[in-house]
Amino acid sequence: MKNADVYEFIYEVYRNDKSVLDYLLAHSESVSKLAVEIAKKQKADVDFVERAAILHDIGIIFTDAPKLNCFGKVPYIQHGIYGRELLEKHGFMREAIVAETHVGVGITAEHILINNLPLPPKDMFPTTLEEEIVAFADLFFSKQPQFLTTPKPLAEIENTIMRYGGNSRETFNKWLKKFS
């Protein structure tokens, strides 16, 4: 799969949602740039990391996130599972796993159940080097205008990941050492 095919796919999925597409691409390209830098240093599969980073948030189109001009029917936290489903349907099997597991540093079934999150009660966290790289790079950017293309400060990232419970801070610090 060529990276040009990834963009062609995104343009097809978002053909009627130009304003959402702008957010998605700005964010995803920022994540991709950082992820590719890390992947090269780690001797990871750079082409895959680039594709997965560009596609990781494709599921936002299904969510109810008016600030992003998304007027779907599901809560934003479900964008990963809907993204996985869409990507698998179109043959992006490895990238689909990244879409599902990139949220925070991953989400455990226990955290989902304890917090009654609208997600299937299963562990959804990165398990390969490439999956970790995309999830890590994603933490530095958000769809908020100030962090769309400019990395978040570490303190802001730590505050964000604490929402995902468990060993989020420890995992982030491990990744920070590994990828810096």
Protein backbone atom coordinates (compact mmCIF):
# COMPACT_ATOMS: atom_id res chain seq x y z
CA MET A 1 0.00 0.00 0.00
CA LYS A 2 1.44 3.34 -1.02
CA ASN A 3 1.07 6.43 1.11
CA ALA A 4 -0.61 8.21 -1.84
CA ASP A 5 -3.37 5.59 -1.59
CA VAL A 6 -3.90 6.61 2.02
CA TYR A 7 -4.64 10.20 1.04
CA GLU A 8 -6.90 9.07 -1.79
CA PHE A 9 -8.83 6.96 0.73
CA ILE A 10 -9.13 9.84 3.22
CA TYR A 11 -10.34 12.24 0.52
CA GLU A 12 -13.00 9.71 -0.49
CA VAL A 13 -14.20 9.17 3.11
CA TYR A 14 -14.27 12.91 3.84
CA ARG A 15 -15.43 14.12 0.42
CA ASN A 16 -18.52 15.80 1.93
CA ASP A 17 -16.81 17.06 5.08
CA LYS A 18 -14.08 19.51 3.99
CA SER A 19 -13.98 21.37 7.31
CA VAL A 20 -13.43 18.12 9.23
CA LEU A 21 -10.87 17.02 6.65
CA ASP A 22 -8.82 20.17 7.34
CA TYR A 23 -8.64 19.36 11.08
CA LEU A 24 -7.92 15.71 10.42
CA LEU A 25 -5.10 16.33 7.97
CA ALA A 26 -3.43 19.12 9.95
CA HIS A 27 -3.44 16.98 13.09
CA SER A 28 -2.51 13.70 11.40
CA GLU A 29 0.32 15.22 9.40
CA SER A 30 1.79 16.73 12.58
CA VAL A 31 1.57 13.34 14.28
CA SER A 32 3.04 11.65 11.21
CA LYS A 33 6.02 13.99 11.00
CA LEU A 34 6.99 13.32 14.62
CA ALA A 35 6.23 9.59 14.36
CA VAL A 36 8.41 9.23 11.26
CA GLU A 37 11.32 11.01 13.00
CA ILE A 38 11.02 8.58 15.91
CA ALA A 39 10.57 5.54 13.66
CA LYS A 40 13.79 6.33 11.81
CA LYS A 41 15.75 6.53 15.08
CA GLN A 42 14.16 3.30 16.33
CA LYS A 43 14.73 1.45 13.04
CA ALA A 44 11.01 0.77 12.87
CA ASP A 45 8.88 0.30 9.74
CA VAL A 46 8.85 3.95 8.64
CA ASP A 47 6.41 3.55 5.75
CA PHE A 48 3.90 1.77 7.96
CA VAL A 49 4.29 4.35 10.75
CA GLU A 50 3.66 7.15 8.28
CA ARG A 51 0.49 5.49 6.91
CA ALA A 52 -0.80 4.57 10.35
CA ALA A 53 -0.20 8.08 11.70
CA ILE A 54 -2.08 9.64 8.80
CA LEU A 55 -5.00 7.22 9.28
CA HIS A 56 -5.13 6.92 13.08
CA ASP A 57 -8.01 9.39 13.56
CA ILE A 58 -10.05 8.59 10.46
CA GLY A 59 -12.96 7.53 12.69
CA ILE A 60 -13.67 11.06 13.96
CA ILE A 61 -16.17 11.49 11.13
CA PHE A 62 -18.56 9.17 13.00
CA THR A 63 -18.43 11.16 16.24
CA ASP A 64 -20.48 13.91 17.77
CA ALA A 65 -17.76 16.56 18.15
CA PRO A 66 -19.26 19.89 17.01
CA LYS A 67 -16.03 21.82 17.76
CA LEU A 68 -14.44 19.75 14.98
CA ASN A 69 -17.51 20.07 12.74
CA CYS A 70 -18.22 16.37 13.33
CA PHE A 71 -21.93 15.67 13.62
CA GLY A 72 -21.98 11.91 13.85
CA LYS A 73 -23.92 9.87 16.34
CA VAL A 74 -21.28 8.36 18.64
CA PRO A 75 -19.17 9.79 21.49
CA TYR A 76 -15.70 10.99 20.50
CA ILE A 77 -13.99 8.30 22.59
CA GLN A 78 -15.37 5.75 20.11
CA HIS A 79 -13.50 7.21 17.12
CA GLY A 80 -10.83 4.52 17.46
CA ILE A 81 -13.19 1.57 17.25
CA TYR A 82 -15.13 3.11 14.36
CA GLY A 83 -11.87 3.97 12.64
CA ARG A 84 -10.69 0.37 13.03
CA GLU A 85 -13.90 -0.96 11.55
CA LEU A 86 -13.69 1.40 8.55
CA LEU A 87 -10.02 0.66 7.92
CA GLU A 88 -10.47 -3.11 8.15
CA LYS A 89 -13.39 -2.92 5.74
CA HIS A 90 -11.04 -1.29 3.21
CA GLY A 91 -8.05 -3.58 3.72
CA PHE A 92 -5.91 -1.42 6.02
CA MET A 93 -5.55 -4.23 8.57
CA ARG A 94 -2.41 -3.16 10.48
CA GLU A 95 -3.38 0.51 10.38
CA ALA A 96 -6.79 -0.44 11.80
CA ILE A 97 -5.15 -1.72 14.98
CA VAL A 98 -3.36 1.61 15.42
CA ALA A 99 -6.66 3.46 15.01
CA GLU A 100 -8.17 1.45 17.84
CA THR A 101 -5.20 1.46 20.22
CA HIS A 102 -3.79 4.99 19.91
CA VAL A 103 -6.02 6.72 22.49
CA GLY A 104 -3.88 7.99 25.37
CA VAL A 105 -1.28 5.34 26.02
CA GLY A 106 -4.00 2.76 25.53
CA ILE A 107 -7.08 1.87 27.55
CA THR A 108 -7.52 -1.27 29.64
CA ALA A 109 -10.72 -3.28 29.89
CA GLU A 110 -10.68 -2.61 33.63
CA HIS A 111 -10.61 1.18 33.09
CA ILE A 112 -13.46 0.89 30.57
CA LEU A 113 -15.60 -1.11 33.01
CA ILE A 114 -14.81 0.93 36.14
CA ASN A 115 -15.55 4.21 34.35
CA ASN A 116 -18.51 2.87 32.38
CA LEU A 117 -16.98 4.09 29.14
CA PRO A 118 -18.97 3.50 25.95
CA LEU A 119 -16.37 1.08 24.61
CA PRO A 120 -16.18 -2.70 24.34
CA PRO A 121 -14.67 -4.08 27.57
CA LYS A 122 -11.32 -5.14 26.17
CA ASP A 123 -7.74 -3.99 26.42
CA MET A 124 -6.96 -1.51 23.67
CA PHE A 125 -3.34 -0.52 23.88
CA PRO A 126 -0.36 -0.55 21.54
CA THR A 127 1.63 -3.78 21.49
CA THR A 128 4.19 -3.24 18.73
CA LEU A 129 6.96 -0.67 18.43
CA GLU A 130 5.19 1.01 15.51
CA GLU A 131 1.86 1.17 17.38
CA GLU A 132 3.61 2.71 20.39
CA ILE A 133 5.35 5.30 18.20
CA VAL A 134 2.09 6.52 16.66
CA ALA A 135 0.31 6.63 20.04
CA PHE A 136 3.25 8.51 21.57
CA ALA A 137 3.46 11.05 18.73
CA ASP A 138 -0.31 11.57 18.90
CA LEU A 139 -0.04 12.68 22.52
CA PHE A 140 1.89 15.77 21.44
CA PHE A 141 -0.86 17.11 19.17
CA SER A 142 -4.59 17.61 19.48
CA LYS A 143 -7.33 19.09 17.40
CA GLN A 144 -7.37 22.23 19.53
CA PRO A 145 -6.10 25.11 17.38
CA GLN A 146 -3.10 25.87 19.61
CA PHE A 147 -1.89 22.24 19.47
CA LEU A 148 -2.92 21.25 15.96
CA THR A 149 0.58 21.72 14.55
CA THR A 150 2.52 22.86 17.62
CA PRO A 151 3.45 20.20 20.20
CA LYS A 152 1.84 20.31 23.64
CA PRO A 153 4.03 20.90 26.69
CA LEU A 154 4.85 17.73 28.67
CA ALA A 155 2.76 18.88 31.65
CA GLU A 156 -0.31 19.18 29.43
CA ILE A 157 0.27 15.69 28.02
CA GLU A 158 0.57 14.24 31.52
CA ASN A 159 -2.72 15.89 32.52
CA THR A 160 -4.41 14.48 29.44
CA ILE A 161 -3.24 10.89 29.88
CA MET A 162 -4.32 10.74 33.51
CA ARG A 163 -7.90 10.44 32.21
CA TYR A 164 -7.06 6.96 30.96
CA GLY A 165 -6.17 5.62 34.39
CA GLY A 166 -3.98 2.68 35.30
CA ASN A 167 -0.30 3.09 34.63
CA SER A 168 -0.73 5.87 32.08
CA ARG A 169 1.90 8.15 33.60
CA GLU A 170 4.41 5.31 33.94
CA THR A 171 3.81 4.18 30.36
CA PHE A 172 4.20 7.73 29.07
CA ASN A 173 7.45 8.22 31.00
CA LYS A 174 8.76 4.89 29.67
CA TRP A 175 7.93 5.98 26.12
CA LEU A 176 9.46 9.40 26.73
CA LYS A 177 12.79 7.76 27.66
CA LYS A 178 12.56 5.25 24.84
CA PHE A 179 11.68 7.71 22.08
CA SER A 180 13.55 10.87 23.09
